[in-house]
Amino acid sequence: MDRSGTPVRKWLHRSAELRRRENRSLPQFAHQGTPVKRVRVGVIGCGNVLSAYRVPLQSLSAAGRVEIVAACGRESQREETLHAIGPCRFSLREEDLLDANDIHAVVILTSMPSHGRLARAALESGKHVLVEKPMATGLDEATSLVALAESKRLQFACAPFTVLSPTFRSLSSRIARGDIGTPTLARSRYGWSGPWWNPWFYVEGGGCLFDLGVYGLTTLTGLLGPVRSVTAMTGIAIPQRLVEGKPVAVTVEDHAQVIVEFERGGLGNIMTGFTMQQYRSPAIEIYGTEGTLQMLGDDWDPDGYELWANRAGCWQVFKETEPDWPWTAGLAHWIDTIQNGGELVYSSRHALHVLELMIRARESAREGRRTEITSRFIPPRAEDEVPPPEAHRVHDRTRGKH
């Protein structure tokens, strides 16, 4: 179909123009130091999240790309940590890792309120940083972290890494090709009944937006670009939670509905909460003037996707061809940029934009008004879709699952 002069072409042209404008206005710094053959890594935070990073850390270590030098956690975590990631120095003091001269890069897997402080200390000591989401809980703090990393030409990676999944890349490629026409509406959904192992999820510095909504915001902005404004409603549905057998008063949102206006055009809805028991609907939906895309499963654990194209007149179902893709894939990508240079696909400025969206969403809900977004980022470039492995040959879906 010739789409020249159509709304699809205009949307794609606007996307390209915004990308050129963003490329001119936003600084980009790839790592310029001497290539590192083996990255010496320290891990801060040896709790629940480390169990997910254990396999990629072990794989990178076995491949000779990473040496796990040290870990920092509680004394009660020492034995389990050393069993999980192998022999290394174990410390109870964060400073022992942050000040160590034999560590190139730090992985921060602590509670959300501590992310910004630890990331700053690591960057100031000249170390590359990978931090779990969000990079910080305050916008000024996060903005200064991004500027610090850029000024020191350090690789500053922040979870979540949904834009790295093969399914995300397939959706991105189809949108860029105009397979669904001009995107007009988008929706993301992610939630569950809520954590029971740590109270910080339910108090200042936590909340369902920082813990869960961040995924959908990352994915939708990765697919459709920066957001111009946000409108939201949030609430506390369950004012008291039971955490490790003790009652905890909930002081931040446990459910939220966020509406975003994309700079390129179109609206998005992000539904999230610690109040969702189960669901069966797609994680991501993109509606265009000529079709629909639906990501099945969650965006951090995709299960293929569906495409409706008006010109085909039917639903096409695409089976997940890489069922063992891990949501910790950003770790290997981060190590690759440290060793070989280049830019992170999920940039720190993208993560900063998502953080601003969450903070402004809270402001919008509190003040009852639409809030403008000031930050911008360069979206991941849609690649030509690489033919995936033959779907009918995917047999063991349990292999490699986290």
Protein backbone atom coordinates (compact mmCIF):
# COMPACT_ATOMS: atom_id res chain seq x y z
CA MET A 1 0.00 0.00 0.00
CA ASP A 2 1.35 3.44 -0.93
CA ARG A 3 1.23 5.45 2.28
CA SER A 4 2.84 8.64 0.94
CA GLY A 5 0.83 11.64 2.09
CA THR A 6 -1.30 9.56 4.46
CA PRO A 7 -1.58 10.12 8.23
CA VAL A 8 0.77 7.15 8.64
CA ARG A 9 3.48 8.84 6.62
CA LYS A 10 2.92 12.09 8.49
CA TRP A 11 3.23 10.29 11.85
CA LEU A 12 6.44 8.56 10.73
CA HIS A 13 7.81 11.85 9.37
CA ARG A 14 7.02 13.58 12.67
CA SER A 15 8.74 10.75 14.54
CA ALA A 16 11.86 11.17 12.41
CA GLU A 17 11.82 14.95 12.84
CA LEU A 18 11.47 14.64 16.61
CA ARG A 19 14.36 12.18 16.64
CA ARG A 20 16.55 14.62 14.69
CA ARG A 21 15.58 17.43 17.04
CA GLU A 22 16.29 15.28 20.09
CA ASN A 23 19.64 14.20 18.65
CA ARG A 24 20.62 17.86 18.27
CA SER A 25 19.43 18.96 21.71
CA LEU A 26 20.37 16.08 23.98
CA PRO A 27 24.01 15.24 24.76
CA GLN A 28 25.07 11.66 24.18
CA PHE A 29 28.19 10.23 25.74
CA ALA A 30 29.43 6.75 24.99
CA HIS A 31 32.10 5.27 27.22
CA GLN A 32 35.40 6.63 25.91
CA GLY A 33 37.87 4.87 28.19
CA THR A 34 40.20 2.02 27.39
CA PRO A 35 38.21 -1.12 26.52
CA VAL A 36 37.99 -3.49 29.48
CA LYS A 37 38.45 -7.18 28.75
CA ARG A 38 37.00 -8.38 32.06
CA VAL A 39 34.78 -6.05 34.06
CA ARG A 40 35.35 -6.26 37.81
CA VAL A 41 31.92 -5.96 39.41
CA GLY A 42 30.65 -5.28 42.91
CA VAL A 43 27.06 -5.99 43.98
CA ILE A 44 25.26 -3.91 46.61
CA GLY A 45 22.06 -5.51 47.84
CA CYS A 46 21.78 -9.24 48.37
CA GLY A 47 18.07 -9.66 48.92
CA ASN A 48 15.18 -10.89 46.80
CA VAL A 49 16.22 -9.26 43.50
CA LEU A 50 19.69 -10.81 43.51
CA SER A 51 18.11 -14.21 42.89
CA ALA A 52 17.04 -12.97 39.43
CA TYR A 53 20.48 -11.54 38.61
CA ARG A 54 22.32 -14.63 39.80
CA VAL A 55 22.12 -16.56 36.50
CA PRO A 56 23.28 -13.71 34.21
CA LEU A 57 26.08 -12.84 36.63
CA GLN A 58 27.22 -16.46 36.67
CA SER A 59 26.99 -16.69 32.86
CA LEU A 60 29.03 -13.53 32.33
CA SER A 61 31.58 -14.76 34.86
CA ALA A 62 31.85 -18.18 33.20
CA ALA A 63 32.37 -16.46 29.84
CA GLY A 64 35.29 -14.48 31.24
CA ARG A 65 33.55 -11.14 30.72
CA VAL A 66 32.92 -10.38 34.38
CA GLU A 67 34.75 -11.01 37.63
CA ILE A 68 32.55 -10.67 40.69
CA VAL A 69 34.92 -9.03 43.14
CA ALA A 70 32.71 -8.11 46.09
CA ALA A 71 29.19 -8.08 47.47
CA CYS A 72 27.54 -6.05 50.21
CA GLY A 73 24.56 -7.14 52.26
CA ARG A 74 23.42 -8.18 55.72
CA GLU A 75 25.32 -10.77 57.73
CA SER A 76 22.35 -13.13 57.44
CA GLN A 77 22.77 -13.02 53.64
CA ARG A 78 26.48 -13.86 53.53
CA GLU A 79 26.32 -17.62 53.09
CA GLU A 80 23.47 -17.61 50.56
CA THR A 81 25.07 -14.80 48.55
CA LEU A 82 28.46 -16.47 48.25
CA HIS A 83 26.74 -19.70 47.25
CA ALA A 84 24.73 -17.84 44.59
CA ILE A 85 27.43 -15.72 42.93
CA GLY A 86 30.61 -17.52 43.94
CA PRO A 87 33.62 -16.69 46.12
CA CYS A 88 34.19 -12.95 46.57
CA ARG A 89 34.72 -10.39 49.30
CA PHE A 90 31.59 -9.92 51.39
CA SER A 91 31.08 -6.73 53.34
CA LEU A 92 28.45 -5.25 55.59
CA ARG A 93 29.56 -1.72 54.65
CA GLU A 94 28.60 -0.12 51.34
CA GLU A 95 31.70 2.08 51.49
CA ASP A 96 33.95 -0.95 51.15
CA LEU A 97 32.65 -1.45 47.61
CA LEU A 98 32.12 2.17 46.67
CA ASP A 99 35.67 3.17 47.64
CA ALA A 100 37.42 0.05 46.30
CA ASN A 101 39.97 0.75 43.56
CA ASP A 102 39.73 -2.75 42.09
CA ILE A 103 36.04 -2.46 41.09
CA HIS A 104 35.06 -1.08 37.66
CA ALA A 105 31.29 -1.28 37.95
CA VAL A 106 28.60 -1.54 40.62
CA VAL A 107 25.21 -3.29 40.48
CA ILE A 108 22.73 -1.73 42.94
CA LEU A 109 19.89 -4.03 44.00
CA THR A 110 18.82 -2.39 47.26
CA SER A 111 15.47 -0.89 48.30
CA MET A 112 14.19 1.96 46.13
CA PRO A 113 14.76 4.82 48.62
CA SER A 114 18.52 4.11 48.68
CA HIS A 115 19.09 3.95 44.91
CA GLY A 116 19.93 7.60 44.32
CA ARG A 117 22.39 7.90 47.19
CA LEU A 118 24.28 4.74 46.24
CA ALA A 119 24.31 5.55 42.52
CA ARG A 120 25.79 8.98 43.21
CA ALA A 121 28.52 7.58 45.43
CA ALA A 122 29.45 4.97 42.82
CA LEU A 123 29.49 7.46 39.94
CA GLU A 124 31.53 9.97 41.94
CA SER A 125 34.13 7.26 42.54
CA GLY A 126 34.37 6.70 38.77
CA LYS A 127 32.42 3.45 38.56
CA HIS A 128 29.87 2.42 35.96
CA VAL A 129 26.46 1.83 37.53
CA LEU A 130 23.50 -0.46 36.93
CA VAL A 131 20.66 0.29 39.33
CA GLU A 132 17.28 -1.32 39.73
CA LYS A 133 14.26 0.91 39.17
CA PRO A 134 13.84 3.72 39.83
CA MET A 135 17.27 5.37 39.62
CA ALA A 136 16.18 7.73 42.42
CA THR A 137 12.96 8.77 44.11
CA GLY A 138 13.39 12.51 43.52
CA LEU A 139 13.53 14.28 40.17
CA ASP A 140 16.31 16.74 41.04
CA GLU A 141 18.42 13.92 42.41
CA ALA A 142 17.89 11.80 39.30
CA THR A 143 18.63 14.70 36.95
CA SER A 144 21.93 15.33 38.70
CA LEU A 145 22.83 11.63 38.47
CA VAL A 146 22.31 11.59 34.70
CA ALA A 147 24.41 14.74 34.32
CA LEU A 148 27.15 13.28 36.53
CA ALA A 149 27.33 10.05 34.54
CA GLU A 150 27.47 11.98 31.27
CA SER A 151 30.19 14.32 32.52
CA LYS A 152 32.32 11.36 33.59
CA ARG A 153 31.44 9.34 30.47
CA LEU A 154 30.26 6.41 32.57
CA GLN A 155 27.64 3.85 31.58
CA PHE A 156 24.63 4.48 33.82
CA ALA A 157 21.98 1.80 33.29
CA CYS A 158 18.63 1.65 35.02
CA ALA A 159 15.98 -1.06 35.03
CA PRO A 160 13.50 -2.08 33.72
CA PHE A 161 14.86 -3.42 30.44
CA THR A 162 11.62 -4.19 28.62
CA VAL A 163 12.82 -2.40 25.46
CA LEU A 164 15.43 -5.13 24.98
CA SER A 165 12.99 -8.01 24.56
CA PRO A 166 12.62 -9.58 21.09
CA THR A 167 8.85 -9.10 21.32
CA PHE A 168 9.26 -5.38 22.02
CA ARG A 169 11.57 -5.09 19.01
CA SER A 170 9.00 -6.84 16.82
CA LEU A 171 6.24 -4.44 17.91
CA SER A 172 8.54 -1.44 17.45
CA SER A 173 9.48 -2.57 13.95
CA ARG A 174 5.84 -3.05 12.93
CA ILE A 175 4.86 0.37 14.22
CA ALA A 176 7.78 1.99 12.38
CA ARG A 177 6.80 0.22 9.15
CA GLY A 178 3.25 1.52 9.46
CA ASP A 179 1.68 -1.93 9.82
CA ILE A 180 -1.06 -0.54 12.09
CA GLY A 181 -1.18 2.94 10.59
CA THR A 182 -0.91 5.98 12.84
CA PRO A 183 -0.94 5.04 16.56
CA THR A 184 -3.79 6.81 18.32
CA LEU A 185 -4.32 4.91 21.59
CA ALA A 186 -2.17 2.69 23.78
CA ARG A 187 -2.68 0.80 27.02
CA SER A 188 -0.45 -1.03 29.48
CA ARG A 189 -1.45 -3.12 32.46
CA TYR A 190 0.66 -4.62 35.23
CA GLY A 191 -0.15 -5.39 38.83
CA TRP A 192 -0.62 -8.01 41.50
CA SER A 193 -1.80 -8.32 45.09
CA GLY A 194 1.39 -6.77 46.50
CA PRO A 195 4.62 -7.68 48.33
CA TRP A 196 4.57 -9.17 51.81
CA TRP A 197 8.32 -9.22 52.55
CA ASN A 198 9.31 -5.57 53.06
CA PRO A 199 7.39 -2.50 54.31
CA TRP A 200 9.16 0.08 52.10
CA PHE A 201 6.87 -0.80 49.16
CA TYR A 202 4.00 0.88 51.03
CA VAL A 203 5.62 4.03 52.44
CA GLU A 204 7.25 7.16 51.04
CA GLY A 205 9.84 6.20 48.44
CA GLY A 206 7.81 3.16 47.41
CA GLY A 207 4.37 2.77 45.87
CA CYS A 208 2.91 0.89 42.94
CA LEU A 209 3.98 3.48 40.36
CA PHE A 210 7.68 3.19 41.19
CA ASP A 211 7.53 -0.59 41.53
CA LEU A 212 5.05 -1.61 38.80
CA GLY A 213 3.85 1.32 36.70
CA VAL A 214 7.44 1.97 35.65
CA TYR A 215 7.27 -1.08 33.35
CA GLY A 216 4.33 0.06 31.25
CA LEU A 217 5.59 3.64 31.08
CA THR A 218 8.98 2.41 29.89
CA THR A 219 7.47 0.16 27.24
CA LEU A 220 4.91 2.63 25.89
CA THR A 221 7.42 5.50 25.70
CA GLY A 222 9.89 3.11 24.08
CA LEU A 223 7.34 2.30 21.39
CA LEU A 224 5.70 5.71 20.93
CA GLY A 225 8.27 8.24 22.13
CA PRO A 226 8.35 11.00 24.75
CA VAL A 227 5.28 12.28 26.59
CA ARG A 228 4.10 15.89 26.53
CA SER A 229 1.69 15.80 29.48
CA VAL A 230 0.25 13.47 32.09
CA THR A 231 -3.04 13.22 33.98
CA ALA A 232 -3.58 10.70 36.76
CA MET A 233 -5.71 9.45 39.61
CA THR A 234 -4.24 7.40 42.44
CA GLY A 235 -5.54 5.97 45.68
CA ILE A 236 -4.99 3.77 48.70
CA ALA A 237 -7.47 0.91 48.57
CA ILE A 238 -6.00 -1.14 51.41
CA PRO A 239 -4.84 1.26 54.17
CA GLN A 240 -3.06 -1.42 56.19
CA ARG A 241 -0.93 -4.32 54.94
CA LEU A 242 0.52 -7.33 56.69
CA VAL A 243 4.27 -7.51 56.05
CA GLU A 244 6.30 -10.32 57.61
CA GLY A 245 3.49 -10.82 60.10
CA LYS A 246 3.35 -7.17 61.20
CA PRO A 247 0.80 -4.48 60.27
CA VAL A 248 2.10 -1.63 58.09
CA ALA A 249 0.20 1.61 57.48
CA VAL A 250 0.10 2.37 53.74
CA THR A 251 1.06 6.00 53.02
CA VAL A 252 1.61 5.95 49.22
CA GLU A 253 -0.62 4.88 46.33
CA ASP A 254 -1.41 1.19 45.96
CA HIS A 255 -3.35 1.63 42.70
CA ALA A 256 -3.21 4.16 39.87
CA GLN A 257 -4.60 5.11 36.47
CA VAL A 258 -2.30 7.32 34.38
CA ILE A 259 -3.18 9.01 31.07
CA VAL A 260 -0.32 10.31 28.93
CA GLU A 261 -0.28 12.51 25.83
CA PHE A 262 2.53 11.54 23.47
CA GLU A 263 4.51 14.28 21.77
CA ARG A 264 4.13 12.55 18.41
CA GLY A 265 0.37 12.30 18.86
CA GLY A 266 -1.91 9.77 20.52
CA LEU A 267 -2.90 8.95 24.09
CA GLY A 268 -1.86 6.18 26.45
CA ASN A 269 -3.34 4.62 29.57
CA ILE A 270 -1.26 2.92 32.25
CA MET A 271 -3.16 0.84 34.82
CA THR A 272 -1.22 -0.53 37.76
CA GLY A 273 -1.61 -1.49 41.39
CA PHE A 274 -0.94 -3.73 44.34
CA THR A 275 -4.68 -4.42 44.18
CA MET A 276 -4.89 -6.67 41.11
CA GLN A 277 -5.34 -10.35 41.90
CA GLN A 278 -5.12 -11.97 38.45
CA TYR A 279 -5.69 -10.96 34.83
CA ARG A 280 -5.73 -12.52 31.37
CA SER A 281 -5.73 -9.48 29.10
CA PRO A 282 -2.68 -8.41 27.04
CA ALA A 283 0.09 -6.48 28.75
CA ILE A 284 0.43 -3.91 25.98
CA GLU A 285 -2.09 -2.75 23.38
CA ILE A 286 -1.37 -0.29 20.56
CA TYR A 287 -4.32 0.89 18.45
CA GLY A 288 -3.66 2.52 15.08
CA THR A 289 -5.71 3.84 12.19
CA GLU A 290 -5.07 0.64 10.20
CA GLY A 291 -4.65 -2.06 12.83
CA THR A 292 -3.90 -3.24 16.36
CA LEU A 293 -0.90 -4.76 18.15
CA GLN A 294 -1.24 -6.72 21.39
CA MET A 295 1.68 -8.02 23.44
CA LEU A 296 0.70 -11.19 25.29
CA GLY A 297 2.01 -12.01 28.74
CA ASP A 298 3.71 -9.18 30.65
CA ASP A 299 6.12 -6.77 28.99
CA TRP A 300 8.90 -8.06 31.27
CA ASP A 301 7.97 -11.66 30.37
CA PRO A 302 6.35 -11.58 26.91
CA ASP A 303 4.44 -14.51 25.44
CA GLY A 304 4.32 -13.47 21.80
CA TYR A 305 1.99 -10.95 20.22
CA GLU A 306 -1.08 -10.54 18.03
CA LEU A 307 -1.52 -8.30 15.00
CA TRP A 308 -4.72 -7.12 13.37
CA ALA A 309 -4.12 -5.40 10.04
CA ASN A 310 -7.12 -4.06 8.14
CA ARG A 311 -5.59 -5.04 4.83
CA ALA A 312 -5.35 -8.68 6.00
CA GLY A 313 -8.76 -8.68 7.66
CA CYS A 314 -7.82 -11.18 10.36
CA TRP A 315 -5.89 -11.63 13.59
CA GLN A 316 -2.36 -12.99 13.17
CA VAL A 317 -0.86 -14.68 16.23
CA PHE A 318 2.92 -14.72 16.63
CA LYS A 319 4.19 -17.26 19.13
CA GLU A 320 6.93 -16.29 21.56
CA THR A 321 10.13 -17.54 19.93
CA GLU A 322 12.53 -16.67 22.77
CA PRO A 323 10.67 -17.90 25.86
CA ASP A 324 13.81 -17.83 27.99
CA TRP A 325 14.50 -14.12 27.45
CA PRO A 326 15.26 -12.80 30.98
CA TRP A 327 14.07 -9.47 32.34
CA THR A 328 17.62 -8.99 33.62
CA ALA A 329 18.93 -8.82 30.02
CA GLY A 330 20.08 -5.26 30.63
CA LEU A 331 23.00 -6.58 32.68
CA ALA A 332 24.76 -8.24 29.72
CA HIS A 333 23.96 -5.24 27.50
CA TRP A 334 25.46 -2.88 30.10
CA ILE A 335 28.62 -4.99 30.34
CA ASP A 336 28.88 -4.98 26.55
CA THR A 337 28.80 -1.17 26.41
CA ILE A 338 31.48 -0.97 29.11
CA GLN A 339 33.72 -3.37 27.20
CA ASN A 340 33.08 -2.19 23.66
CA GLY A 341 31.66 1.32 23.90
CA GLY A 342 28.38 2.37 22.34
CA GLU A 343 25.12 3.60 23.80
CA LEU A 344 22.64 1.89 26.07
CA VAL A 345 19.39 1.06 24.28
CA TYR A 346 17.44 2.05 27.41
CA SER A 347 19.29 5.27 28.12
CA SER A 348 19.52 7.04 31.45
CA ARG A 349 17.62 9.95 29.89
CA HIS A 350 14.78 7.61 28.96
CA ALA A 351 14.73 6.34 32.56
CA LEU A 352 14.77 9.95 33.79
CA HIS A 353 11.78 10.76 31.55
CA VAL A 354 9.86 7.80 32.98
CA LEU A 355 10.70 8.91 36.52
CA GLU A 356 9.40 12.41 35.76
CA LEU A 357 6.19 10.85 34.42
CA MET A 358 5.65 8.97 37.69
CA ILE A 359 6.42 11.97 39.88
CA ARG A 360 4.22 14.29 37.78
CA ALA A 361 1.46 11.66 37.79
CA ARG A 362 1.43 11.83 41.58
CA GLU A 363 1.31 15.63 41.39
CA SER A 364 -1.56 15.44 38.90
CA ALA A 365 -3.52 13.09 41.15
CA ARG A 366 -2.89 15.26 44.18
CA GLU A 367 -3.76 18.56 42.48
CA GLY A 368 -6.47 17.32 40.11
CA ARG A 369 -4.99 18.75 36.92
CA ARG A 370 -3.00 17.91 33.81
CA THR A 371 0.76 18.29 34.32
CA GLU A 372 3.33 19.15 31.65
CA ILE A 373 6.45 17.02 31.17
CA THR A 374 9.72 18.88 30.54
CA SER A 375 12.28 16.09 30.01
CA ARG A 376 12.89 14.43 26.65
CA PHE A 377 14.91 11.47 25.40
CA ILE A 378 15.92 9.76 22.17
CA PRO A 379 13.69 6.67 21.76
CA PRO A 380 15.22 3.30 20.88
CA ARG A 381 15.60 3.11 17.12
CA ALA A 382 13.28 0.58 15.52
CA GLU A 383 15.36 -2.06 13.77
CA ASP A 384 14.41 -4.03 10.71
CA GLU A 385 12.76 -7.13 12.11
CA VAL A 386 15.14 -10.08 12.11
CA PRO A 387 13.41 -13.34 11.19
CA PRO A 388 12.96 -15.17 14.52
CA PRO A 389 13.59 -18.87 15.03
CA GLU A 390 10.86 -20.98 13.48
CA ALA A 391 8.01 -20.85 15.97
CA HIS A 392 6.96 -24.46 15.46
CA ARG A 393 10.40 -25.57 16.66
CA VAL A 394 10.01 -23.93 20.07
CA HIS A 395 9.46 -26.91 22.33
CA ASP A 396 10.59 -26.57 25.95
CA ARG A 397 9.17 -23.30 27.29
CA THR A 398 10.55 -23.97 30.76
CA ARG A 399 14.19 -23.87 29.62
CA GLY A 400 16.05 -21.00 31.18
CA LYS A 401 12.98 -19.45 32.79
CA HIS A 402 13.67 -17.23 35.77
